[in-house]
Amino acid sequence: PGNLFLSVLTWPSAPVKQLVPVLTTLPAIAVADAIRVLGGTPGIKWVNDILVHGKKVSGVLTGTHVQGNVVQAVVHGVGVNVSHAPEIPPTPFVPATGCLSAEGLAVALGEVFWAVLDAIAERTGQLLAPGGGAALLDAYRRDSAILGHAVRVWEDGVELSEPSAWPVPLASGVVQSIEPDLSLRIEGIDVPIDKGRLALESACQALGSPPCR
């Protein structure tokens, strides 16, 4: 109760190459926009977690309906913890959960709803305009919570229990850049990382894992 659970349907009717892959970042950017308008300082953890003060306050997903080479319809799923933070055991991937009210944003559910909806509408219009994909990518990089930070990336689906039993990650090191296809360039890794579950190195060490070498 008091949190936002939202599905937004749009009909862009635009070529796949114009929208993909940056389309998947749109709801994360929009939620970050909304939080900023409401007075907060958001960060986006690759790929689609939104943080405030290092705590996850929102998660987003995007689904598409494609016919031929045209994206006909898009559904953005958005969840924002406004009044309540779910009690979830800490993991390297989500070390802490939060909610806007606990992070200093005394805002009503309706305010958050309209701020998110307005931001999605604005960012969708931007994406469909010439050069919109590059502009969204710039916004995604601006709000990144991982650029310049040390991270570890494991394969999708991995579940981590005791730190002593964690498998060796696929990659670890400082994130140097986010490429146009959303893959990560990590210091010391020759190939870009385009999939996996990412954890900040600081979160791993906070849970008792020794520094990754």
N, C-alpha and C. Protein backbone atom coordinates (compact mmCIF):
# COMPACT_ATOMS: atom_id res chain seq x y z
N PRO A 1 0.83 -1.22 0.00
CA PRO A 1 0.00 0.00 0.00
C PRO A 1 0.86 1.27 0.00
N GLY A 2 0.45 2.22 -0.82
CA GLY A 2 1.18 3.48 -0.88
C GLY A 2 2.32 3.51 -1.86
N ASN A 3 2.62 2.38 -2.52
CA ASN A 3 3.68 2.34 -3.53
C ASN A 3 3.06 2.33 -4.93
N LEU A 4 3.87 2.62 -5.92
CA LEU A 4 3.39 2.75 -7.29
C LEU A 4 3.69 1.48 -8.09
N PHE A 5 2.65 0.94 -8.70
CA PHE A 5 2.79 -0.22 -9.59
C PHE A 5 2.09 0.16 -10.89
N LEU A 6 2.85 0.30 -11.95
CA LEU A 6 2.32 0.96 -13.15
C LEU A 6 2.75 0.23 -14.41
N SER A 7 1.82 0.07 -15.34
CA SER A 7 2.14 -0.39 -16.69
C SER A 7 1.72 0.70 -17.67
N VAL A 8 2.62 1.07 -18.56
CA VAL A 8 2.35 2.14 -19.52
C VAL A 8 2.49 1.58 -20.92
N LEU A 9 1.42 1.69 -21.71
CA LEU A 9 1.40 1.19 -23.08
C LEU A 9 1.52 2.36 -24.05
N THR A 10 2.48 2.26 -24.98
CA THR A 10 2.63 3.26 -26.03
C THR A 10 2.68 2.57 -27.38
N TRP A 11 2.41 3.34 -28.43
CA TRP A 11 2.42 2.81 -29.80
C TRP A 11 3.38 3.64 -30.64
N PRO A 12 4.67 3.36 -30.57
CA PRO A 12 5.61 4.20 -31.30
C PRO A 12 5.59 4.02 -32.81
N SER A 13 5.30 2.79 -33.27
CA SER A 13 5.29 2.50 -34.72
C SER A 13 6.54 3.06 -35.39
N ALA A 14 7.69 2.65 -34.87
CA ALA A 14 8.97 3.15 -35.37
C ALA A 14 9.89 1.97 -35.66
N PRO A 15 10.88 2.17 -36.53
CA PRO A 15 11.80 1.08 -36.87
C PRO A 15 12.55 0.55 -35.65
N VAL A 16 12.77 -0.76 -35.64
CA VAL A 16 13.50 -1.39 -34.55
C VAL A 16 14.85 -0.73 -34.35
N LYS A 17 15.57 -0.48 -35.44
CA LYS A 17 16.93 0.07 -35.33
C LYS A 17 16.94 1.46 -34.72
N GLN A 18 15.81 2.17 -34.78
CA GLN A 18 15.74 3.49 -34.18
C GLN A 18 15.57 3.42 -32.66
N LEU A 19 14.90 2.36 -32.19
CA LEU A 19 14.51 2.29 -30.79
C LEU A 19 15.37 1.36 -29.94
N VAL A 20 15.88 0.29 -30.53
CA VAL A 20 16.57 -0.73 -29.78
C VAL A 20 18.08 -0.50 -29.90
N PRO A 21 18.86 -0.64 -28.81
CA PRO A 21 18.46 -1.13 -27.49
C PRO A 21 18.10 -0.05 -26.48
N VAL A 22 18.26 1.23 -26.86
CA VAL A 22 18.10 2.29 -25.87
C VAL A 22 16.68 2.37 -25.31
N LEU A 23 15.71 1.80 -26.03
CA LEU A 23 14.33 1.78 -25.54
C LEU A 23 14.24 1.17 -24.15
N THR A 24 15.07 0.16 -23.87
CA THR A 24 15.00 -0.51 -22.57
C THR A 24 15.44 0.40 -21.43
N THR A 25 16.17 1.45 -21.75
CA THR A 25 16.60 2.38 -20.70
C THR A 25 15.55 3.46 -20.42
N LEU A 26 14.58 3.61 -21.31
CA LEU A 26 13.65 4.74 -21.20
C LEU A 26 12.92 4.82 -19.87
N PRO A 27 12.30 3.73 -19.37
CA PRO A 27 11.58 3.87 -18.10
C PRO A 27 12.50 4.17 -16.93
N ALA A 28 13.74 3.64 -16.96
CA ALA A 28 14.69 3.95 -15.88
C ALA A 28 15.04 5.43 -15.89
N ILE A 29 15.29 5.96 -17.09
CA ILE A 29 15.60 7.39 -17.21
C ILE A 29 14.40 8.21 -16.75
N ALA A 30 13.19 7.79 -17.14
CA ALA A 30 11.99 8.54 -16.78
C ALA A 30 11.78 8.56 -15.27
N VAL A 31 11.98 7.42 -14.61
CA VAL A 31 11.84 7.39 -13.15
C VAL A 31 12.89 8.29 -12.50
N ALA A 32 14.11 8.24 -13.02
CA ALA A 32 15.16 9.13 -12.50
C ALA A 32 14.77 10.59 -12.69
N ASP A 33 14.22 10.91 -13.88
CA ASP A 33 13.73 12.27 -14.13
C ASP A 33 12.70 12.68 -13.09
N ALA A 34 11.74 11.77 -12.84
CA ALA A 34 10.65 12.07 -11.92
C ALA A 34 11.18 12.30 -10.51
N ILE A 35 12.10 11.45 -10.07
CA ILE A 35 12.67 11.60 -8.73
C ILE A 35 13.41 12.93 -8.61
N ARG A 36 14.10 13.32 -9.67
CA ARG A 36 14.81 14.60 -9.64
C ARG A 36 13.84 15.76 -9.55
N VAL A 37 12.75 15.70 -10.32
CA VAL A 37 11.72 16.74 -10.28
C VAL A 37 11.12 16.84 -8.88
N LEU A 38 10.99 15.70 -8.21
CA LEU A 38 10.40 15.67 -6.87
C LEU A 38 11.40 16.06 -5.78
N GLY A 39 12.65 16.31 -6.17
CA GLY A 39 13.62 16.81 -5.20
C GLY A 39 14.68 15.82 -4.78
N GLY A 40 14.73 14.64 -5.42
CA GLY A 40 15.70 13.63 -5.04
C GLY A 40 16.90 13.60 -5.98
N THR A 41 17.87 12.78 -5.61
CA THR A 41 19.07 12.58 -6.42
C THR A 41 19.17 11.11 -6.79
N PRO A 42 18.72 10.74 -7.99
CA PRO A 42 18.67 9.33 -8.37
C PRO A 42 19.96 8.85 -9.01
N GLY A 43 20.12 7.54 -9.03
CA GLY A 43 21.19 6.88 -9.77
C GLY A 43 20.63 5.62 -10.40
N ILE A 44 21.15 5.24 -11.55
CA ILE A 44 20.68 4.04 -12.25
C ILE A 44 21.78 2.99 -12.21
N LYS A 45 21.44 1.83 -11.66
CA LYS A 45 22.36 0.70 -11.63
C LYS A 45 22.04 -0.20 -12.82
N TRP A 46 23.04 -0.47 -13.61
CA TRP A 46 22.88 -1.26 -14.83
C TRP A 46 22.16 -2.58 -14.55
N VAL A 47 21.06 -2.92 -15.21
CA VAL A 47 20.56 -2.16 -16.32
C VAL A 47 19.37 -1.27 -15.90
N ASN A 48 18.56 -1.73 -14.94
CA ASN A 48 17.28 -1.07 -14.75
C ASN A 48 16.85 -0.90 -13.30
N ASP A 49 17.78 -0.79 -12.38
CA ASP A 49 17.45 -0.48 -10.98
C ASP A 49 17.70 1.00 -10.73
N ILE A 50 16.79 1.65 -10.02
CA ILE A 50 16.95 3.06 -9.70
C ILE A 50 17.21 3.18 -8.20
N LEU A 51 18.28 3.90 -7.87
CA LEU A 51 18.73 4.02 -6.49
C LEU A 51 18.58 5.46 -6.01
N VAL A 52 18.37 5.61 -4.70
CA VAL A 52 18.49 6.89 -4.02
C VAL A 52 19.30 6.62 -2.75
N HIS A 53 20.39 7.35 -2.60
CA HIS A 53 21.31 7.14 -1.46
C HIS A 53 21.78 5.69 -1.39
N GLY A 54 21.98 5.08 -2.56
CA GLY A 54 22.48 3.72 -2.62
C GLY A 54 21.46 2.63 -2.37
N LYS A 55 20.22 3.01 -2.14
CA LYS A 55 19.16 2.03 -1.87
C LYS A 55 18.24 1.91 -3.08
N LYS A 56 17.83 0.68 -3.40
CA LYS A 56 16.92 0.49 -4.53
C LYS A 56 15.53 0.96 -4.17
N VAL A 57 15.03 1.93 -4.91
CA VAL A 57 13.67 2.43 -4.69
C VAL A 57 12.75 2.13 -5.86
N SER A 58 13.31 1.63 -6.96
CA SER A 58 12.47 1.39 -8.14
C SER A 58 13.14 0.38 -9.05
N GLY A 59 12.30 -0.36 -9.76
CA GLY A 59 12.75 -1.26 -10.81
C GLY A 59 11.82 -1.14 -11.99
N VAL A 60 12.34 -1.33 -13.20
CA VAL A 60 11.53 -1.17 -14.41
C VAL A 60 11.83 -2.31 -15.38
N LEU A 61 10.88 -2.54 -16.26
CA LEU A 61 11.03 -3.52 -17.34
C LEU A 61 10.36 -2.97 -18.60
N THR A 62 10.79 -3.46 -19.75
CA THR A 62 10.19 -3.05 -21.01
C THR A 62 9.92 -4.28 -21.87
N GLY A 63 8.71 -4.33 -22.43
CA GLY A 63 8.35 -5.37 -23.38
C GLY A 63 7.90 -4.73 -24.68
N THR A 64 8.15 -5.40 -25.80
CA THR A 64 7.79 -4.83 -27.10
C THR A 64 6.99 -5.81 -27.93
N HIS A 65 6.18 -5.25 -28.83
CA HIS A 65 5.48 -6.04 -29.85
C HIS A 65 6.01 -5.57 -31.20
N VAL A 66 6.69 -6.47 -31.90
CA VAL A 66 7.35 -6.11 -33.15
C VAL A 66 6.69 -6.85 -34.31
N GLN A 67 6.42 -6.11 -35.39
CA GLN A 67 5.95 -6.70 -36.63
C GLN A 67 6.92 -6.31 -37.74
N GLY A 68 7.53 -7.32 -38.34
CA GLY A 68 8.56 -7.03 -39.33
C GLY A 68 9.72 -6.31 -38.67
N ASN A 69 10.04 -5.14 -39.17
CA ASN A 69 11.13 -4.34 -38.61
C ASN A 69 10.61 -3.12 -37.86
N VAL A 70 9.34 -3.19 -37.44
CA VAL A 70 8.71 -2.04 -36.79
C VAL A 70 8.25 -2.41 -35.38
N VAL A 71 8.63 -1.58 -34.41
CA VAL A 71 8.11 -1.73 -33.05
C VAL A 71 6.74 -1.09 -33.01
N GLN A 72 5.70 -1.92 -32.95
CA GLN A 72 4.34 -1.40 -32.99
C GLN A 72 3.88 -0.92 -31.62
N ALA A 73 4.19 -1.69 -30.57
CA ALA A 73 3.70 -1.34 -29.24
C ALA A 73 4.78 -1.63 -28.20
N VAL A 74 4.74 -0.86 -27.14
CA VAL A 74 5.71 -1.00 -26.05
C VAL A 74 4.96 -0.95 -24.72
N VAL A 75 5.33 -1.84 -23.81
CA VAL A 75 4.79 -1.78 -22.45
C VAL A 75 5.96 -1.57 -21.49
N HIS A 76 5.89 -0.48 -20.73
CA HIS A 76 6.86 -0.23 -19.68
C HIS A 76 6.22 -0.60 -18.34
N GLY A 77 6.88 -1.46 -17.59
CA GLY A 77 6.45 -1.79 -16.25
C GLY A 77 7.31 -1.04 -15.25
N VAL A 78 6.65 -0.34 -14.32
CA VAL A 78 7.37 0.52 -13.38
C VAL A 78 6.88 0.23 -11.97
N GLY A 79 7.80 0.01 -11.06
CA GLY A 79 7.48 -0.08 -9.65
C GLY A 79 8.32 0.92 -8.89
N VAL A 80 7.69 1.72 -8.04
CA VAL A 80 8.41 2.71 -7.24
C VAL A 80 7.97 2.58 -5.78
N ASN A 81 8.93 2.41 -4.90
CA ASN A 81 8.63 2.40 -3.47
C ASN A 81 8.47 3.85 -3.01
N VAL A 82 7.24 4.24 -2.76
CA VAL A 82 6.95 5.62 -2.37
C VAL A 82 6.89 5.74 -0.86
N SER A 83 6.04 4.91 -0.24
CA SER A 83 5.81 5.02 1.21
C SER A 83 6.41 3.87 2.01
N HIS A 84 6.68 2.74 1.34
CA HIS A 84 7.14 1.56 2.06
C HIS A 84 8.29 0.90 1.33
N ALA A 85 9.28 0.45 2.08
CA ALA A 85 10.39 -0.32 1.52
C ALA A 85 10.20 -1.78 1.90
N PRO A 86 10.08 -2.67 0.92
CA PRO A 86 9.90 -4.09 1.24
C PRO A 86 11.11 -4.63 1.99
N GLU A 87 10.86 -5.52 2.93
CA GLU A 87 11.95 -6.12 3.69
C GLU A 87 12.50 -7.31 2.91
N ILE A 88 13.65 -7.12 2.34
CA ILE A 88 14.29 -8.13 1.50
C ILE A 88 15.69 -8.39 2.04
N PRO A 89 16.07 -9.65 2.24
CA PRO A 89 17.43 -9.93 2.71
C PRO A 89 18.46 -9.32 1.75
N PRO A 90 19.50 -8.70 2.26
CA PRO A 90 20.48 -8.06 1.37
C PRO A 90 21.23 -9.08 0.53
N THR A 91 21.47 -8.72 -0.71
CA THR A 91 22.30 -9.50 -1.63
C THR A 91 23.29 -8.55 -2.28
N PRO A 92 24.31 -9.08 -2.95
CA PRO A 92 25.23 -8.18 -3.66
C PRO A 92 24.51 -7.33 -4.71
N PHE A 93 23.43 -7.89 -5.29
CA PHE A 93 22.74 -7.20 -6.37
C PHE A 93 21.78 -6.13 -5.84
N VAL A 94 21.15 -6.40 -4.71
CA VAL A 94 20.27 -5.43 -4.04
C VAL A 94 20.66 -5.41 -2.57
N PRO A 95 21.72 -4.66 -2.24
CA PRO A 95 22.19 -4.67 -0.86
C PRO A 95 21.24 -3.99 0.12
N ALA A 96 20.40 -3.08 -0.38
CA ALA A 96 19.46 -2.38 0.49
C ALA A 96 18.29 -1.86 -0.33
N THR A 97 17.11 -1.89 0.27
CA THR A 97 15.93 -1.30 -0.35
C THR A 97 15.53 -0.05 0.42
N GLY A 98 14.88 0.85 -0.28
CA GLY A 98 14.42 2.08 0.35
C GLY A 98 13.12 2.53 -0.25
N CYS A 99 12.61 3.63 0.23
CA CYS A 99 11.41 4.25 -0.35
C CYS A 99 11.63 5.76 -0.34
N LEU A 100 10.89 6.44 -1.18
CA LEU A 100 11.10 7.87 -1.34
C LEU A 100 10.89 8.62 -0.03
N SER A 101 9.86 8.24 0.72
CA SER A 101 9.57 8.97 1.96
C SER A 101 10.69 8.82 2.98
N ALA A 102 11.29 7.63 3.04
CA ALA A 102 12.37 7.41 3.99
C ALA A 102 13.67 8.06 3.56
N GLU A 103 13.75 8.42 2.28
CA GLU A 103 14.96 9.06 1.76
C GLU A 103 14.79 10.56 1.63
N GLY A 104 13.82 11.12 2.37
CA GLY A 104 13.69 12.56 2.45
C GLY A 104 12.75 13.20 1.48
N LEU A 105 11.99 12.40 0.71
CA LEU A 105 11.03 12.96 -0.25
C LEU A 105 9.61 12.75 0.27
N ALA A 106 9.06 13.77 0.86
CA ALA A 106 7.71 13.70 1.42
C ALA A 106 6.71 14.00 0.30
N VAL A 107 6.45 12.99 -0.52
CA VAL A 107 5.58 13.17 -1.69
C VAL A 107 4.43 12.18 -1.64
N ALA A 108 3.31 12.58 -2.21
CA ALA A 108 2.13 11.73 -2.26
C ALA A 108 2.22 10.79 -3.45
N LEU A 109 1.50 9.68 -3.36
CA LEU A 109 1.51 8.69 -4.44
C LEU A 109 1.09 9.33 -5.77
N GLY A 110 0.08 10.18 -5.73
CA GLY A 110 -0.38 10.83 -6.95
C GLY A 110 0.67 11.71 -7.59
N GLU A 111 1.46 12.38 -6.78
CA GLU A 111 2.55 13.21 -7.31
C GLU A 111 3.56 12.35 -8.06
N VAL A 112 3.89 11.21 -7.48
CA VAL A 112 4.87 10.33 -8.11
C VAL A 112 4.29 9.76 -9.41
N PHE A 113 3.03 9.37 -9.37
CA PHE A 113 2.36 8.83 -10.57
C PHE A 113 2.46 9.81 -11.73
N TRP A 114 2.07 11.05 -11.51
CA TRP A 114 2.06 12.03 -12.60
C TRP A 114 3.46 12.40 -13.03
N ALA A 115 4.39 12.47 -12.08
CA ALA A 115 5.77 12.79 -12.44
C ALA A 115 6.37 11.71 -13.34
N VAL A 116 6.10 10.44 -13.00
CA VAL A 116 6.61 9.33 -13.81
C VAL A 116 5.93 9.31 -15.17
N LEU A 117 4.60 9.49 -15.19
CA LEU A 117 3.87 9.45 -16.46
C LEU A 117 4.32 10.58 -17.38
N ASP A 118 4.46 11.77 -16.83
CA ASP A 118 4.93 12.90 -17.63
C ASP A 118 6.32 12.64 -18.18
N ALA A 119 7.18 12.06 -17.35
CA ALA A 119 8.56 11.81 -17.79
C ALA A 119 8.60 10.75 -18.89
N ILE A 120 7.78 9.71 -18.77
CA ILE A 120 7.73 8.68 -19.82
C ILE A 120 7.24 9.29 -21.13
N ALA A 121 6.22 10.14 -21.04
CA ALA A 121 5.70 10.78 -22.25
C ALA A 121 6.77 11.67 -22.90
N GLU A 122 7.48 12.44 -22.08
CA GLU A 122 8.50 13.33 -22.61
C GLU A 122 9.66 12.55 -23.22
N ARG A 123 10.12 11.51 -22.53
CA ARG A 123 11.24 10.73 -23.05
C ARG A 123 10.85 9.92 -24.28
N THR A 124 9.59 9.47 -24.35
CA THR A 124 9.14 8.76 -25.56
C THR A 124 9.15 9.69 -26.75
N GLY A 125 8.65 10.91 -26.56
CA GLY A 125 8.70 11.89 -27.64
C GLY A 125 10.12 12.19 -28.07
N GLN A 126 11.02 12.27 -27.11
CA GLN A 126 12.42 12.53 -27.43
C GLN A 126 13.02 11.39 -28.23
N LEU A 127 12.73 10.15 -27.83
CA LEU A 127 13.29 8.99 -28.52
C LEU A 127 12.82 8.93 -29.97
N LEU A 128 11.59 9.35 -30.23
CA LEU A 128 11.04 9.27 -31.59
C LEU A 128 11.51 10.43 -32.47
N ALA A 129 12.14 11.44 -31.87
CA ALA A 129 12.66 12.57 -32.64
C ALA A 129 14.04 12.24 -33.18
N PRO A 130 14.48 12.94 -34.24
CA PRO A 130 15.83 12.70 -34.78
C PRO A 130 16.90 12.88 -33.70
N GLY A 131 17.80 11.92 -33.60
CA GLY A 131 18.87 11.99 -32.61
C GLY A 131 18.43 11.66 -31.20
N GLY A 132 17.20 11.19 -31.05
CA GLY A 132 16.67 10.94 -29.72
C GLY A 132 17.37 9.81 -29.00
N GLY A 133 17.79 8.80 -29.74
CA GLY A 133 18.47 7.68 -29.09
C GLY A 133 19.76 8.11 -28.43
N ALA A 134 20.52 8.96 -29.09
CA ALA A 134 21.77 9.45 -28.52
C ALA A 134 21.51 10.31 -27.28
N ALA A 135 20.44 11.09 -27.32
CA ALA A 135 20.11 11.94 -26.17
C ALA A 135 19.72 11.09 -24.96
N LEU A 136 18.96 10.02 -25.19
CA LEU A 136 18.60 9.14 -24.08
C LEU A 136 19.82 8.43 -23.53
N LEU A 137 20.72 8.02 -24.40
CA LEU A 137 21.93 7.35 -23.93
C LEU A 137 22.76 8.30 -23.07
N ASP A 138 22.83 9.56 -23.49
CA ASP A 138 23.55 10.56 -22.68
C ASP A 138 22.91 10.70 -21.31
N ALA A 139 21.58 10.71 -21.26
CA ALA A 139 20.88 10.83 -19.97
C ALA A 139 21.11 9.61 -19.10
N TYR A 140 21.13 8.43 -19.73
CA TYR A 140 21.37 7.20 -18.99
C TYR A 140 22.78 7.21 -18.39
N ARG A 141 23.74 7.65 -19.16
CA ARG A 141 25.11 7.72 -18.65
C ARG A 141 25.22 8.76 -17.53
N ARG A 142 24.54 9.88 -17.70
CA ARG A 142 24.59 10.94 -16.68
C ARG A 142 24.11 10.44 -15.33
N ASP A 143 23.08 9.62 -15.33
CA ASP A 143 22.50 9.14 -14.07
C ASP A 143 23.08 7.81 -13.63
N SER A 144 24.08 7.30 -14.34
CA SER A 144 24.63 5.99 -13.99
C SER A 144 25.23 5.98 -12.59
N ALA A 145 24.92 4.93 -11.86
CA ALA A 145 25.49 4.72 -10.53
C ALA A 145 26.71 3.81 -10.57
N ILE A 146 27.15 3.43 -11.77
CA ILE A 146 28.27 2.48 -11.88
C ILE A 146 29.46 3.02 -12.65
N LEU A 147 29.27 4.04 -13.48
CA LEU A 147 30.41 4.58 -14.23
C LEU A 147 31.49 5.09 -13.27
N GLY A 148 32.71 4.62 -13.48
CA GLY A 148 33.81 5.02 -12.62
C GLY A 148 33.89 4.25 -11.32
N HIS A 149 33.01 3.26 -11.14
CA HIS A 149 33.01 2.47 -9.91
C HIS A 149 33.42 1.02 -10.21
N ALA A 150 34.00 0.38 -9.21
CA ALA A 150 34.36 -1.03 -9.32
C ALA A 150 33.12 -1.91 -9.18
N VAL A 151 33.01 -2.90 -10.03
CA VAL A 151 31.85 -3.79 -10.03
C VAL A 151 32.30 -5.23 -10.23
N ARG A 152 31.37 -6.14 -9.98
CA ARG A 152 31.53 -7.54 -10.37
C ARG A 152 30.30 -7.93 -11.16
N VAL A 153 30.48 -8.74 -12.19
CA VAL A 153 29.37 -9.21 -13.01
C VAL A 153 29.39 -10.73 -13.06
N TRP A 154 28.27 -11.32 -12.66
CA TRP A 154 28.08 -12.76 -12.76
C TRP A 154 27.10 -13.09 -13.88
N GLU A 155 27.05 -14.35 -14.27
CA GLU A 155 26.12 -14.75 -15.32
C GLU A 155 24.69 -14.60 -14.84
N ASP A 156 23.77 -14.41 -15.78
CA ASP A 156 22.35 -14.30 -15.45
C ASP A 156 21.88 -15.55 -14.72
N GLY A 157 21.02 -15.35 -13.74
CA GLY A 157 20.44 -16.46 -13.02
C GLY A 157 21.22 -16.92 -11.81
N VAL A 158 22.42 -16.40 -11.62
CA VAL A 158 23.21 -16.84 -10.47
C VAL A 158 22.58 -16.35 -9.18
N GLU A 159 22.62 -17.20 -8.16
CA GLU A 159 22.16 -16.83 -6.82
C GLU A 159 23.35 -16.99 -5.88
N LEU A 160 23.60 -15.98 -5.07
CA LEU A 160 24.77 -15.98 -4.20
C LEU A 160 24.33 -16.10 -2.75
N SER A 161 24.97 -17.03 -2.02
CA SER A 161 24.65 -17.22 -0.61
C SER A 161 25.81 -16.71 0.24
N GLU A 162 26.55 -17.61 0.87
CA GLU A 162 27.68 -17.19 1.69
C GLU A 162 28.82 -16.69 0.81
N PRO A 163 29.41 -15.55 1.16
CA PRO A 163 30.47 -14.99 0.32
C PRO A 163 31.61 -15.97 0.03
N SER A 164 31.91 -16.85 0.99
CA SER A 164 33.00 -17.81 0.77
C SER A 164 32.70 -18.80 -0.34
N ALA A 165 31.40 -18.93 -0.68
CA ALA A 165 30.99 -19.89 -1.70
C ALA A 165 30.66 -19.23 -3.04
N TRP A 166 30.86 -17.92 -3.15
CA TRP A 166 30.53 -17.25 -4.40
C TRP A 166 31.43 -17.75 -5.52
N PRO A 167 30.87 -18.01 -6.70
CA PRO A 167 31.71 -18.38 -7.84
C PRO A 167 32.52 -17.18 -8.34
N VAL A 168 33.51 -17.46 -9.13
CA VAL A 168 34.31 -16.39 -9.73
C VAL A 168 33.42 -15.62 -10.70
N PRO A 169 33.40 -14.30 -10.64
CA PRO A 169 32.54 -13.54 -11.56
C PRO A 169 33.05 -13.61 -13.00
N LEU A 170 32.14 -13.30 -13.92
CA LEU A 170 32.53 -13.23 -15.33
C LEU A 170 33.53 -12.12 -15.56
N ALA A 171 33.33 -11.03 -14.84
CA ALA A 171 34.20 -9.87 -15.00
C ALA A 171 34.19 -9.07 -13.72
N SER A 172 35.27 -8.34 -13.48
CA SER A 172 35.34 -7.43 -12.35
C SER A 172 36.31 -6.31 -12.67
N GLY A 173 36.06 -5.16 -12.10
CA GLY A 173 36.91 -4.01 -12.34
C GLY A 173 36.11 -2.74 -12.40
N VAL A 174 36.76 -1.65 -12.74
CA VAL A 174 36.13 -0.34 -12.80
C VAL A 174 35.44 -0.15 -14.15
N VAL A 175 34.18 0.28 -14.12
CA VAL A 175 33.43 0.54 -15.36
C VAL A 175 33.94 1.82 -15.98
N GLN A 176 34.46 1.70 -17.19
CA GLN A 176 35.02 2.85 -17.88
C GLN A 176 34.03 3.54 -18.80
N SER A 177 33.11 2.77 -19.38
CA SER A 177 32.14 3.38 -20.29
C SER A 177 30.93 2.47 -20.47
N ILE A 178 29.82 3.08 -20.88
CA ILE A 178 28.62 2.36 -21.31
C ILE A 178 28.49 2.61 -22.80
N GLU A 179 28.56 1.55 -23.59
CA GLU A 179 28.56 1.66 -25.04
C GLU A 179 27.15 1.90 -25.57
N PRO A 180 27.01 2.31 -26.84
CA PRO A 180 25.68 2.55 -27.42
C PRO A 180 24.75 1.35 -27.36
N ASP A 181 25.31 0.12 -27.35
CA ASP A 181 24.46 -1.07 -27.23
C ASP A 181 24.24 -1.45 -25.77
N LEU A 182 24.62 -0.56 -24.84
CA LEU A 182 24.47 -0.71 -23.39
C LEU A 182 25.46 -1.68 -22.78
N SER A 183 26.37 -2.24 -23.56
CA SER A 183 27.40 -3.09 -22.99
C SER A 183 28.39 -2.22 -22.20
N LEU A 184 29.10 -2.88 -21.29
CA LEU A 184 30.03 -2.18 -20.41
C LEU A 184 31.47 -2.44 -20.81
N ARG A 185 32.26 -1.39 -20.80
CA ARG A 185 33.71 -1.52 -20.94
C ARG A 185 34.30 -1.45 -19.54
N ILE A 186 34.92 -2.55 -19.12
CA ILE A 186 35.46 -2.65 -17.77
C ILE A 186 36.97 -2.72 -17.85
N GLU A 187 37.62 -1.95 -17.01
CA GLU A 187 39.08 -1.87 -17.00
C GLU A 187 39.71 -3.26 -16.89
N GLY A 188 40.62 -3.53 -17.80
CA GLY A 188 41.33 -4.80 -17.78
C GLY A 188 40.63 -5.94 -18.50
N ILE A 189 39.41 -5.70 -19.02
CA ILE A 189 38.66 -6.73 -19.73
C ILE A 189 38.67 -6.37 -21.22
N ASP A 190 39.11 -7.29 -22.06
CA ASP A 190 39.27 -6.99 -23.48
C ASP A 190 37.96 -6.87 -24.23
N VAL A 191 36.94 -7.62 -23.81
CA VAL A 191 35.68 -7.63 -24.55
C VAL A 191 34.61 -6.92 -23.72
N PRO A 192 33.64 -6.26 -24.37
CA PRO A 192 32.57 -5.60 -23.63
C PRO A 192 31.65 -6.63 -22.97
N ILE A 193 31.07 -6.25 -21.85
CA ILE A 193 30.15 -7.11 -21.12
C ILE A 193 28.74 -6.67 -21.47
N ASP A 194 27.96 -7.57 -22.11
CA ASP A 194 26.64 -7.17 -22.58
C ASP A 194 25.50 -7.89 -21.87
N LYS A 195 25.82 -8.72 -20.89
CA LYS A 195 24.76 -9.39 -20.14
C LYS A 195 25.33 -9.85 -18.81
N GLY A 196 24.43 -10.17 -17.89
CA GLY A 196 24.85 -10.66 -16.59
C GLY A 196 24.21 -9.87 -15.46
N ARG A 197 24.50 -10.30 -14.24
CA ARG A 197 24.00 -9.63 -13.03
C ARG A 197 25.14 -8.84 -12.40
N LEU A 198 24.92 -7.57 -12.22
CA LEU A 198 25.98 -6.68 -11.76
C LEU A 198 25.81 -6.32 -10.29
N ALA A 199 26.93 -6.32 -9.57
CA ALA A 199 26.97 -5.87 -8.19
C ALA A 199 28.10 -4.88 -8.03
N LEU A 200 27.88 -3.85 -7.27
CA LEU A 200 28.96 -2.93 -6.95
C LEU A 200 29.97 -3.61 -6.03
N GLU A 201 31.23 -3.36 -6.25
CA GLU A 201 32.27 -3.95 -5.41
C GLU A 201 32.06 -3.57 -3.95
N SER A 202 31.63 -2.35 -3.70
CA SER A 202 31.40 -1.90 -2.32
C SER A 202 30.32 -2.73 -1.64
N ALA A 203 29.28 -3.12 -2.39
CA ALA A 203 28.21 -3.95 -1.83
C ALA A 203 28.72 -5.35 -1.50
N CYS A 204 29.58 -5.88 -2.37
CA CYS A 204 30.14 -7.21 -2.14
C CYS A 204 30.98 -7.22 -0.86
N GLN A 205 31.83 -6.22 -0.70
CA GLN A 205 32.69 -6.18 0.48
C GLN A 205 31.88 -5.93 1.74
N ALA A 206 30.79 -5.16 1.63
CA ALA A 206 29.95 -4.90 2.80
C ALA A 206 29.30 -6.18 3.31
N LEU A 207 29.12 -7.17 2.42
CA LEU A 207 28.53 -8.45 2.81
C LEU A 207 29.60 -9.46 3.27
N GLY A 208 30.84 -9.02 3.33
CA GLY A 208 31.89 -9.89 3.86
C GLY A 208 32.80 -10.52 2.85
N SER A 209 32.64 -10.18 1.56
CA SER A 209 33.52 -10.75 0.54
C SER A 209 34.83 -9.99 0.52
N PRO A 210 35.96 -10.69 0.40
CA PRO A 210 37.23 -9.98 0.25
C PRO A 210 37.28 -9.26 -1.09
N PRO A 211 38.13 -8.26 -1.23
CA PRO A 211 38.23 -7.54 -2.50
C PRO A 211 38.49 -8.50 -3.65
N CYS A 212 37.84 -8.21 -4.76
CA CYS A 212 38.01 -9.06 -5.95
C CYS A 212 39.27 -8.64 -6.68
N ARG A 213 40.10 -9.62 -7.06
CA ARG A 213 41.34 -9.33 -7.75
C ARG A 213 41.27 -9.80 -9.19
